[in-house]
Amino acid sequence: MFIKETDRASVIEGLPPTQFIGYEELETVEVNLLKDTVVENQRILIFDKSPFYAEGGGQTGDAGSIELDS
């Protein structure tokens, strides 16, 4: 099966880096949504801070969920 990779670089252009808070917290409720967009049928949400560790160098990224009040 072939999965096309989304070009995320163009989505984050001009945004400040997301602050990694995973060393102190495993979950958080007070975040600001910096960007909400759809690219190639994938919804991309970018927050100002996150406890999730991103993939890199062959590592497996964290997985979790986002719950909304509404």
PDB file of N, CA and C in Angstrom:
ATOM      1  N   MET A   1       0.842  -1.178   0.000  1.00  0.00           N
ATOM      2  CA  MET A   1       0.000   0.000   0.000  1.00  0.00           C
ATOM      3  C   MET A   1       0.888   1.242   0.000  1.00  0.00           C
ATOM      4  N   PHE A   2       0.574   2.201  -0.820  1.00  0.00           N
ATOM      5  CA  PHE A   2       1.331   3.448  -0.919  1.00  0.00           C
ATOM      6  C   PHE A   2       0.533   4.562  -0.263  1.00  0.00           C
ATOM      7  N   ILE A   3       1.165   5.284   0.670  1.00  0.00           N
ATOM      8  CA  ILE A   3       0.519   6.412   1.326  1.00  0.00           C
ATOM      9  C   ILE A   3       1.259   7.676   0.932  1.00  0.00           C
ATOM     10  N   LYS A   4       0.548   8.620   0.342  1.00  0.00           N
ATOM     11  CA  LYS A   4       1.159   9.877  -0.068  1.00  0.00           C
ATOM     12  C   LYS A   4       1.403  10.751   1.157  1.00  0.00           C
ATOM     13  N   GLU A   5       2.600  11.270   1.272  1.00  0.00           N
ATOM     14  CA  GLU A   5       2.968  12.129   2.401  1.00  0.00           C
ATOM     15  C   GLU A   5       2.523  13.567   2.113  1.00  0.00           C
ATOM     16  N   THR A   6       1.946  14.221   3.106  1.00  0.00           N
ATOM     17  CA  THR A   6       1.488  15.600   2.979  1.00  0.00           C
ATOM     18  C   THR A   6       2.661  16.558   3.193  1.00  0.00           C
ATOM     19  N   ASP A   7       2.745  17.604   2.384  1.00  0.00           N
ATOM     20  CA  ASP A   7       3.779  18.626   2.554  1.00  0.00           C
ATOM     21  C   ASP A   7       3.361  19.555   3.683  1.00  0.00           C
ATOM     22  N   ARG A   8       3.891  19.293   4.879  1.00  0.00           N
ATOM     23  CA  ARG A   8       3.519  20.083   6.051  1.00  0.00           C
ATOM     24  C   ARG A   8       4.338  21.362   6.173  1.00  0.00           C
ATOM     25  N   ALA A   9       5.457  21.444   5.482  1.00  0.00           N
ATOM     26  CA  ALA A   9       6.321  22.624   5.584  1.00  0.00           C
ATOM     27  C   ALA A   9       5.575  23.890   5.177  1.00  0.00           C
ATOM     28  N   SER A  10       4.777  23.812   4.141  1.00  0.00           N
ATOM     29  CA  SER A  10       4.042  24.995   3.685  1.00  0.00           C
ATOM     30  C   SER A  10       2.954  25.395   4.684  1.00  0.00           C
ATOM     31  N   VAL A  11       2.463  24.439   5.470  1.00  0.00           N
ATOM     32  CA  VAL A  11       1.401  24.715   6.449  1.00  0.00           C
ATOM     33  C   VAL A  11       1.942  25.491   7.647  1.00  0.00           C
ATOM     34  N   ILE A  12       3.168  25.189   8.078  1.00  0.00           N
ATOM     35  CA  ILE A  12       3.715  25.820   9.280  1.00  0.00           C
ATOM     36  C   ILE A  12       4.503  27.095   8.989  1.00  0.00           C
ATOM     37  N   GLU A  13       4.648  27.424   7.741  1.00  0.00           N
ATOM     38  CA  GLU A  13       5.417  28.615   7.357  1.00  0.00           C
ATOM     39  C   GLU A  13       4.864  29.863   8.043  1.00  0.00           C
ATOM     40  N   GLY A  14       5.749  30.591   8.733  1.00  0.00           N
ATOM     41  CA  GLY A  14       5.366  31.833   9.391  1.00  0.00           C
ATOM     42  C   GLY A  14       4.802  31.669  10.797  1.00  0.00           C
ATOM     43  N   LEU A  15       4.632  30.432  11.254  1.00  0.00           N
ATOM     44  CA  LEU A  15       4.097  30.190  12.598  1.00  0.00           C
ATOM     45  C   LEU A  15       5.232  30.009  13.602  1.00  0.00           C
ATOM     46  N   PRO A  16       5.010  30.403  14.858  1.00  0.00           N
ATOM     47  CA  PRO A  16       6.032  30.154  15.876  1.00  0.00           C
ATOM     48  C   PRO A  16       6.103  28.652  16.169  1.00  0.00           C
ATOM     49  N   PRO A  17       7.231  28.156  16.679  1.00  0.00           N
ATOM     50  CA  PRO A  17       7.320  26.729  17.001  1.00  0.00           C
ATOM     51  C   PRO A  17       6.371  26.346  18.131  1.00  0.00           C
ATOM     52  N   THR A  18       5.868  25.127  18.068  1.00  0.00           N
ATOM     53  CA  THR A  18       5.029  24.603  19.137  1.00  0.00           C
ATOM     54  C   THR A  18       5.915  24.252  20.327  1.00  0.00           C
ATOM     55  N   GLN A  19       5.534  24.721  21.510  1.00  0.00           N
ATOM     56  CA  GLN A  19       6.297  24.442  22.720  1.00  0.00           C
ATOM     57  C   GLN A  19       6.025  23.013  23.181  1.00  0.00           C
ATOM     58  N   PHE A  20       7.079  22.205  23.353  1.00  0.00           N
ATOM     59  CA  PHE A  20       6.936  20.838  23.847  1.00  0.00           C
ATOM     60  C   PHE A  20       6.882  20.869  25.368  1.00  0.00           C
ATOM     61  N   ILE A  21       5.771  20.357  25.935  1.00  0.00           N
ATOM     62  CA  ILE A  21       5.595  20.355  27.395  1.00  0.00           C
ATOM     63  C   ILE A  21       5.540  18.940  27.949  1.00  0.00           C
ATOM     64  N   GLY A  22       5.907  17.956  27.133  1.00  0.00           N
ATOM     65  CA  GLY A  22       5.786  16.549  27.495  1.00  0.00           C
ATOM     66  C   GLY A  22       6.661  16.092  28.642  1.00  0.00           C
ATOM     67  N   TYR A  23       7.715  16.828  28.965  1.00  0.00           N
ATOM     68  CA  TYR A  23       8.540  16.437  30.106  1.00  0.00           C
ATOM     69  C   TYR A  23       7.834  16.741  31.426  1.00  0.00           C
ATOM     70  N   GLU A  24       7.005  17.783  31.429  1.00  0.00           N
ATOM     71  CA  GLU A  24       6.297  18.190  32.647  1.00  0.00           C
ATOM     72  C   GLU A  24       4.863  17.673  32.715  1.00  0.00           C
ATOM     73  N   GLU A  25       4.187  17.547  31.552  1.00  0.00           N
ATOM     74  CA  GLU A  25       2.766  17.199  31.509  1.00  0.00           C
ATOM     75  C   GLU A  25       2.514  16.130  30.453  1.00  0.00           C
ATOM     76  N   LEU A  26       1.596  15.216  30.743  1.00  0.00           N
ATOM     77  CA  LEU A  26       1.193  14.221  29.750  1.00  0.00           C
ATOM     78  C   LEU A  26      -0.095  14.614  29.040  1.00  0.00           C
ATOM     79  N   GLU A  27      -0.769  15.617  29.586  1.00  0.00           N
ATOM     80  CA  GLU A  27      -1.962  16.166  28.931  1.00  0.00           C
ATOM     81  C   GLU A  27      -2.079  17.628  29.326  1.00  0.00           C
ATOM     82  N   THR A  28      -2.827  18.370  28.538  1.00  0.00           N
ATOM     83  CA  THR A  28      -3.023  19.785  28.828  1.00  0.00           C
ATOM     84  C   THR A  28      -4.405  20.204  28.342  1.00  0.00           C
ATOM     85  N   VAL A  29      -4.953  21.230  28.966  1.00  0.00           N
ATOM     86  CA  VAL A  29      -6.275  21.717  28.561  1.00  0.00           C
ATOM     87  C   VAL A  29      -6.222  23.157  28.066  1.00  0.00           C
ATOM     88  N   GLU A  30      -5.160  23.852  28.370  1.00  0.00           N
ATOM     89  CA  GLU A  30      -5.073  25.254  27.973  1.00  0.00           C
ATOM     90  C   GLU A  30      -4.091  25.427  26.827  1.00  0.00           C
ATOM     91  N   VAL A  31      -4.622  25.342  25.618  1.00  0.00           N
ATOM     92  CA  VAL A  31      -3.813  25.530  24.418  1.00  0.00           C
ATOM     93  C   VAL A  31      -4.501  26.533  23.507  1.00  0.00           C
ATOM     94  N   ASN A  32      -3.729  27.143  22.650  1.00  0.00           N
ATOM     95  CA  ASN A  32      -4.269  28.043  21.636  1.00  0.00           C
ATOM     96  C   ASN A  32      -4.078  27.396  20.273  1.00  0.00           C
ATOM     97  N   LEU A  33      -5.120  27.386  19.487  1.00  0.00           N
ATOM     98  CA  LEU A  33      -5.064  26.850  18.137  1.00  0.00           C
ATOM     99  C   LEU A  33      -4.447  27.910  17.230  1.00  0.00           C
ATOM    100  N   LEU A  34      -3.278  27.607  16.666  1.00  0.00           N
ATOM    101  CA  LEU A  34      -2.595  28.555  15.789  1.00  0.00           C
ATOM    102  C   LEU A  34      -3.064  28.445  14.348  1.00  0.00           C
ATOM    103  N   LYS A  35      -3.426  27.215  13.943  1.00  0.00           N
ATOM    104  CA  LYS A  35      -3.872  27.024  12.560  1.00  0.00           C
ATOM    105  C   LYS A  35      -4.714  25.766  12.459  1.00  0.00           C
ATOM    106  N   ASP A  36      -5.758  25.832  11.658  1.00  0.00           N
ATOM    107  CA  ASP A  36      -6.647  24.708  11.379  1.00  0.00           C
ATOM    108  C   ASP A  36      -6.863  24.696   9.878  1.00  0.00           C
ATOM    109  N   THR A  37      -6.353  23.675   9.216  1.00  0.00           N
ATOM    110  CA  THR A  37      -6.442  23.635   7.765  1.00  0.00           C
ATOM    111  C   THR A  37      -6.601  22.203   7.283  1.00  0.00           C
ATOM    112  N   VAL A  38      -7.038  22.036   6.056  1.00  0.00           N
ATOM    113  CA  VAL A  38      -7.147  20.723   5.428  1.00  0.00           C
ATOM    114  C   VAL A  38      -6.240  20.723   4.210  1.00  0.00           C
ATOM    115  N   VAL A  39      -5.351  19.718   4.150  1.00  0.00           N
ATOM    116  CA  VAL A  39      -4.433  19.565   3.023  1.00  0.00           C
ATOM    117  C   VAL A  39      -4.533  18.126   2.543  1.00  0.00           C
ATOM    118  N   GLU A  40      -4.870  17.945   1.284  1.00  0.00           N
ATOM    119  CA  GLU A  40      -4.990  16.618   0.674  1.00  0.00           C
ATOM    120  C   GLU A  40      -5.835  15.673   1.529  1.00  0.00           C
ATOM    121  N   ASN A  41      -7.004  16.135   1.933  1.00  0.00           N
ATOM    122  CA  ASN A  41      -7.977  15.375   2.727  1.00  0.00           C
ATOM    123  C   ASN A  41      -7.485  15.007   4.125  1.00  0.00           C
ATOM    124  N   GLN A  42      -6.447  15.687   4.618  1.00  0.00           N
ATOM    125  CA  GLN A  42      -5.977  15.489   5.990  1.00  0.00           C
ATOM    126  C   GLN A  42      -6.173  16.780   6.761  1.00  0.00           C
ATOM    127  N   ARG A  43      -6.820  16.692   7.913  1.00  0.00           N
ATOM    128  CA  ARG A  43      -7.012  17.878   8.753  1.00  0.00           C
ATOM    129  C   ARG A  43      -5.763  18.072   9.591  1.00  0.00           C
ATOM    130  N   ILE A  44      -5.228  19.280   9.576  1.00  0.00           N
ATOM    131  CA  ILE A  44      -4.012  19.602  10.314  1.00  0.00           C
ATOM    132  C   ILE A  44      -4.341  20.693  11.323  1.00  0.00           C
ATOM    133  N   LEU A  45      -4.102  20.389  12.608  1.00  0.00           N
ATOM    134  CA  LEU A  45      -4.297  21.340  13.700  1.00  0.00           C
ATOM    135  C   LEU A  45      -2.932  21.652  14.291  1.00  0.00           C
ATOM    136  N   ILE A  46      -2.622  22.928  14.429  1.00  0.00           N
ATOM    137  CA  ILE A  46      -1.341  23.336  15.001  1.00  0.00           C
ATOM    138  C   ILE A  46      -1.630  24.177  16.234  1.00  0.00           C
ATOM    139  N   PHE A  47      -1.052  23.743  17.365  1.00  0.00           N
ATOM    140  CA  PHE A  47      -1.277  24.398  18.651  1.00  0.00           C
ATOM    141  C   PHE A  47      -0.011  25.098  19.126  1.00  0.00           C
ATOM    142  N   ASP A  48      -0.169  26.006  20.097  1.00  0.00           N
ATOM    143  CA  ASP A  48       0.981  26.731  20.631  1.00  0.00           C
ATOM    144  C   ASP A  48       1.842  25.862  21.545  1.00  0.00           C
ATOM    145  N   LYS A  49       1.240  24.819  22.147  1.00  0.00           N
ATOM    146  CA  LYS A  49       2.007  23.896  22.994  1.00  0.00           C
ATOM    147  C   LYS A  49       1.385  22.512  22.910  1.00  0.00           C
ATOM    148  N   SER A  50       2.204  21.485  23.201  1.00  0.00           N
ATOM    149  CA  SER A  50       1.727  20.119  23.080  1.00  0.00           C
ATOM    150  C   SER A  50       2.583  19.170  23.910  1.00  0.00           C
ATOM    151  N   PRO A  51       1.950  18.145  24.528  1.00  0.00           N
ATOM    152  CA  PRO A  51       2.720  17.116  25.218  1.00  0.00           C
ATOM    153  C   PRO A  51       3.150  15.983  24.281  1.00  0.00           C
ATOM    154  N   PHE A  52       2.734  16.038  23.014  1.00  0.00           N
ATOM    155  CA  PHE A  52       3.057  14.986  22.057  1.00  0.00           C
ATOM    156  C   PHE A  52       4.449  15.188  21.471  1.00  0.00           C
ATOM    157  N   TYR A  53       5.209  14.090  21.413  1.00  0.00           N
ATOM    158  CA  TYR A  53       6.552  14.110  20.848  1.00  0.00           C
ATOM    159  C   TYR A  53       6.453  13.810  19.365  1.00  0.00           C
ATOM    160  N   ALA A  54       7.030  14.654  18.553  1.00  0.00           N
ATOM    161  CA  ALA A  54       6.948  14.490  17.100  1.00  0.00           C
ATOM    162  C   ALA A  54       7.878  13.386  16.612  1.00  0.00           C
ATOM    163  N   GLU A  55       7.569  12.834  15.445  1.00  0.00           N
ATOM    164  CA  GLU A  55       8.435  11.833  14.829  1.00  0.00           C
ATOM    165  C   GLU A  55       9.701  12.503  14.322  1.00  0.00           C
ATOM    166  N   GLY A  56      10.787  11.735  14.323  1.00  0.00           N
ATOM    167  CA  GLY A  56      12.027  12.249  13.764  1.00  0.00           C
ATOM    168  C   GLY A  56      13.137  11.233  13.899  1.00  0.00           C
ATOM    169  N   GLY A  57      13.975  11.115  12.873  1.00  0.00           N
ATOM    170  CA  GLY A  57      15.115  10.223  12.942  1.00  0.00           C
ATOM    171  C   GLY A  57      14.747   8.762  13.128  1.00  0.00           C
ATOM    172  N   GLY A  58      13.617   8.331  12.589  1.00  0.00           N
ATOM    173  CA  GLY A  58      13.206   6.940  12.698  1.00  0.00           C
ATOM    174  C   GLY A  58      12.413   6.619  13.947  1.00  0.00           C
ATOM    175  N   GLN A  59      12.215   7.609  14.810  1.00  0.00           N
ATOM    176  CA  GLN A  59      11.435   7.381  16.025  1.00  0.00           C
ATOM    177  C   GLN A  59       9.948   7.338  15.686  1.00  0.00           C
ATOM    178  N   THR A  60       9.185   6.707  16.553  1.00  0.00           N
ATOM    179  CA  THR A  60       7.739   6.689  16.398  1.00  0.00           C
ATOM    180  C   THR A  60       7.147   7.821  17.224  1.00  0.00           C
ATOM    181  N   GLY A  61       6.325   8.633  16.619  1.00  0.00           N
ATOM    182  CA  GLY A  61       5.701   9.750  17.321  1.00  0.00           C
ATOM    183  C   GLY A  61       4.630   9.289  18.286  1.00  0.00           C
ATOM    184  N   ASP A  62       4.278  10.152  19.226  1.00  0.00           N
ATOM    185  CA  ASP A  62       3.227   9.857  20.192  1.00  0.00           C
ATOM    186  C   ASP A  62       1.857   9.855  19.514  1.00  0.00           C
ATOM    187  N   ALA A  63       0.906   9.215  20.136  1.00  0.00           N
ATOM    188  CA  ALA A  63      -0.465   9.204  19.667  1.00  0.00           C
ATOM    189  C   ALA A  63      -1.372   9.613  20.810  1.00  0.00           C
ATOM    190  N   GLY A  64      -2.482  10.232  20.493  1.00  0.00           N
ATOM    191  CA  GLY A  64      -3.404  10.672  21.534  1.00  0.00           C
ATOM    192  C   GLY A  64      -4.696  11.151  20.924  1.00  0.00           C
ATOM    193  N   SER A  65      -5.439  11.911  21.681  1.00  0.00           N
ATOM    194  CA  SER A  65      -6.720  12.409  21.200  1.00  0.00           C
ATOM    195  C   SER A  65      -6.914  13.864  21.584  1.00  0.00           C
ATOM    196  N   ILE A  66      -7.812  14.505  20.879  1.00  0.00           N
ATOM    197  CA  ILE A  66      -8.200  15.884  21.150  1.00  0.00           C
ATOM    198  C   ILE A  66      -9.684  15.872  21.444  1.00  0.00           C
ATOM    199  N   GLU A  67     -10.066  16.417  22.581  1.00  0.00           N
ATOM    200  CA  GLU A  67     -11.471  16.482  22.971  1.00  0.00           C
ATOM    201  C   GLU A  67     -11.909  17.947  23.003  1.00  0.00           C
ATOM    202  N   LEU A  68     -13.056  18.228  22.407  1.00  0.00           N
ATOM    203  CA  LEU A  68     -13.591  19.569  22.360  1.00  0.00           C
ATOM    204  C   LEU A  68     -14.781  19.703  23.297  1.00  0.00           C
ATOM    205  N   ASP A  69     -14.978  20.893  23.825  1.00  0.00           N
ATOM    206  CA  ASP A  69     -16.130  21.150  24.685  1.00  0.00           C
ATOM    207  C   ASP A  69     -17.428  21.132  23.900  1.00  0.00           C
ATOM    208  N   SER A  70     -17.367  21.515  22.635  1.00  0.00           N
ATOM    209  CA  SER A  70     -18.583  21.592  21.819  1.00  0.00           C
ATOM    210  C   SER A  70     -18.693  20.423  20.868  1.00  0.00           C
TER     211      SER A  70
END
